C-alpha atoms as a PDB file:
ATOM      1  CA  MET A   1      -0.216  -0.080  -0.237  1.00  0.00           C
ATOM      2  CA  ASN A   2       1.019   3.094  -1.244  1.00  0.00           C
ATOM      3  CA  SER A   3      -0.316   5.769   1.920  1.00  0.00           C
ATOM      4  CA  PRO A   4       1.688   7.781   5.043  1.00  0.00           C
ATOM      5  CA  SER A   5       1.996   5.587   7.859  1.00  0.00           C
ATOM      6  CA  SER A   6       1.275   9.034   9.656  1.00  0.00           C
ATOM      7  CA  PHE A   7      -2.501   8.380   8.019  1.00  0.00           C
ATOM      8  CA  PHE A   8      -2.797   4.837   9.792  1.00  0.00           C
ATOM      9  CA  ASP A   9      -1.427   6.566  13.169  1.00  0.00           C
ATOM     10  CA  THR A  10      -4.085   9.292  13.107  1.00  0.00           C
ATOM     11  CA  THR A  11      -7.316   6.988  11.777  1.00  0.00           C
ATOM     12  CA  PRO A  12      -8.008   5.098  14.947  1.00  0.00           C
ATOM     13  CA  MET A  13      -7.637   8.533  17.304  1.00  0.00           C
ATOM     14  CA  ASP A  14     -10.387   9.891  14.463  1.00  0.00           C
ATOM     15  CA  THR A  15     -12.899   7.206  15.331  1.00  0.00           C
ATOM     16  CA  VAL A  16     -12.670   7.408  19.527  1.00  0.00           C
ATOM     17  CA  TRP A  17     -13.665  11.373  18.499  1.00  0.00           C
ATOM     18  CA  PHE A  18     -16.627  10.594  16.388  1.00  0.00           C
ATOM     19  CA  LEU A  19     -17.833   7.499  19.116  1.00  0.00           C
ATOM     20  CA  ILE A  20     -17.278  10.089  22.007  1.00  0.00           C
ATOM     21  CA  ILE A  21     -19.099  12.948  19.697  1.00  0.00           C
ATOM     22  CA  GLY A  22     -21.628  10.909  17.347  1.00  0.00           C
ATOM     23  CA  GLY A  23     -22.408   8.521  20.492  1.00  0.00           C
ATOM     24  CA  PRO A  24     -24.586  10.887  22.566  1.00  0.00           C
ATOM     25  CA  SER A  25     -25.551  12.993  19.296  1.00  0.00           C
ATOM     26  CA  LEU A  26     -27.165  10.168  18.638  1.00  0.00           C
ATOM     27  CA  LEU A  27     -29.134   9.154  21.571  1.00  0.00           C
ATOM     28  CA  LEU A  28     -29.864  13.168  22.249  1.00  0.00           C
ATOM     29  CA  PHE A  29     -31.523  12.774  18.727  1.00  0.00           C
ATOM     30  CA  PHE A  30     -33.656   9.100  19.347  1.00  0.00           C
ATOM     31  CA  LEU A  31     -34.488  11.204  23.024  1.00  0.00           C
ATOM     32  CA  LEU A  32     -36.302  13.708  21.205  1.00  0.00           C
ATOM     33  CA  MET A  33     -37.941  12.235  18.646  1.00  0.00           C
ATOM     34  CA  LEU A  34     -39.637  10.524  21.071  1.00  0.00           C
ATOM     35  CA  LEU A  35     -40.630  13.988  22.640  1.00  0.00           C
ATOM     36  CA  TYR A  36     -41.900  15.263  19.703  1.00  0.00           C
ATOM     37  CA  GLY A  37     -43.109  11.863  18.912  1.00  0.00           C
ATOM     38  CA  ARG A  38     -45.744  11.845  21.270  1.00  0.00           C
ATOM     39  CA  ALA A  39     -46.082  16.105  21.127  1.00  0.00           C
ATOM     40  CA  ALA A  40     -47.511  16.019  17.518  1.00  0.00           C
ATOM     41  CA  ARG A  41     -49.242  12.634  18.711  1.00  0.00           C
ATOM     42  CA  ASN A  42     -51.332  14.891  20.950  1.00  0.00           C
ATOM     43  CA  LEU A  43     -51.758  18.183  19.173  1.00  0.00           C
ATOM     44  CA  GLN A  44     -53.128  16.150  16.270  1.00  0.00           C
ATOM     45  CA  ARG A  45     -55.823  14.544  19.119  1.00  0.00           C
ATOM     46  CA  LEU A  46     -56.553  17.972  20.532  1.00  0.00           C
ATOM     47  CA  GLU A  47     -57.361  18.881  17.316  1.00  0.00           C
ATOM     48  CA  ALA A  48     -59.615  16.205  15.747  1.00  0.00           C
ATOM     49  CA  ILE A  49     -61.639  16.787  19.320  1.00  0.00           C
ATOM     50  CA  SER A  50     -61.825  20.686  19.402  1.00  0.00           C
ATOM     51  CA  ARG A  51     -62.695  20.989  15.289  1.00  0.00           C
ATOM     52  CA  SER A  52     -65.056  17.771  15.754  1.00  0.00           C
ATOM     53  CA  PRO A  53     -68.409  20.077  16.176  1.00  0.00           C
ATOM     54  CA  VAL A  54     -67.888  21.702  13.584  1.00  0.00           C
ATOM     55  CA  LEU A  55     -67.765  19.452  11.395  1.00  0.00           C
ATOM     56  CA  SER A  56     -71.225  17.389  12.664  1.00  0.00           C
ATOM     57  CA  HIS A  57     -72.653  20.227  13.308  1.00  0.00           C
ATOM     58  CA  PHE A  58     -71.980  21.149   9.022  1.00  0.00           C
ATOM     59  CA  SER A  59     -72.736  17.545   8.261  1.00  0.00           C
ATOM     60  CA  GLU A  60     -76.124  17.571   9.611  1.00  0.00           C
ATOM     61  CA  THR A  61     -76.963  21.395   8.474  1.00  0.00           C
ATOM     62  CA  VAL A  62     -75.943  19.581   4.664  1.00  0.00           C
ATOM     63  CA  THR A  63     -78.131  16.569   5.030  1.00  0.00           C
ATOM     64  CA  GLY A  64     -80.660  15.195   7.048  1.00  0.00           C
ATOM     65  CA  ALA A  65     -83.851  17.443   8.583  1.00  0.00           C
ATOM     66  CA  GLY A  66     -81.377  20.746   8.879  1.00  0.00           C
ATOM     67  CA  LEU A  67     -81.211  20.821   4.750  1.00  0.00           C
ATOM     68  CA  SER A  68     -85.247  20.634   4.937  1.00  0.00           C
ATOM     69  CA  THR A  69     -85.105  23.449   7.915  1.00  0.00           C
ATOM     70  CA  ILE A  70     -82.973  25.842   6.837  1.00  0.00           C
ATOM     71  CA  SER A  71     -85.435  25.400   2.890  1.00  0.00           C
ATOM     72  CA  LEU A  72     -88.586  25.736   4.883  1.00  0.00           C
ATOM     73  CA  SER A  73     -87.432  29.205   6.656  1.00  0.00           C
ATOM     74  CA  LEU A  74     -86.422  30.227   3.644  1.00  0.00           C
ATOM     75  CA  ARG A  75     -89.533  30.421   1.805  1.00  0.00           C
ATOM     76  CA  GLU A  76     -91.033  32.401   5.063  1.00  0.00           C
END
């Protein structure tokens, strides 16, 4: 091999530094991912709950007895 010997002397130390910095960083990002996943799920659930009465009222108005009530009131 035509590589200088200094390459082989520094590579193991660089790997150690990568593991020292990369390991905790990977753990931190994993924990943040778990925390964000829970928060996003709860936010989506709250949004669906708050939107539910509006959508049910609208669907009752457009379909079913609500439409006939609106059309009767418009004729008067």
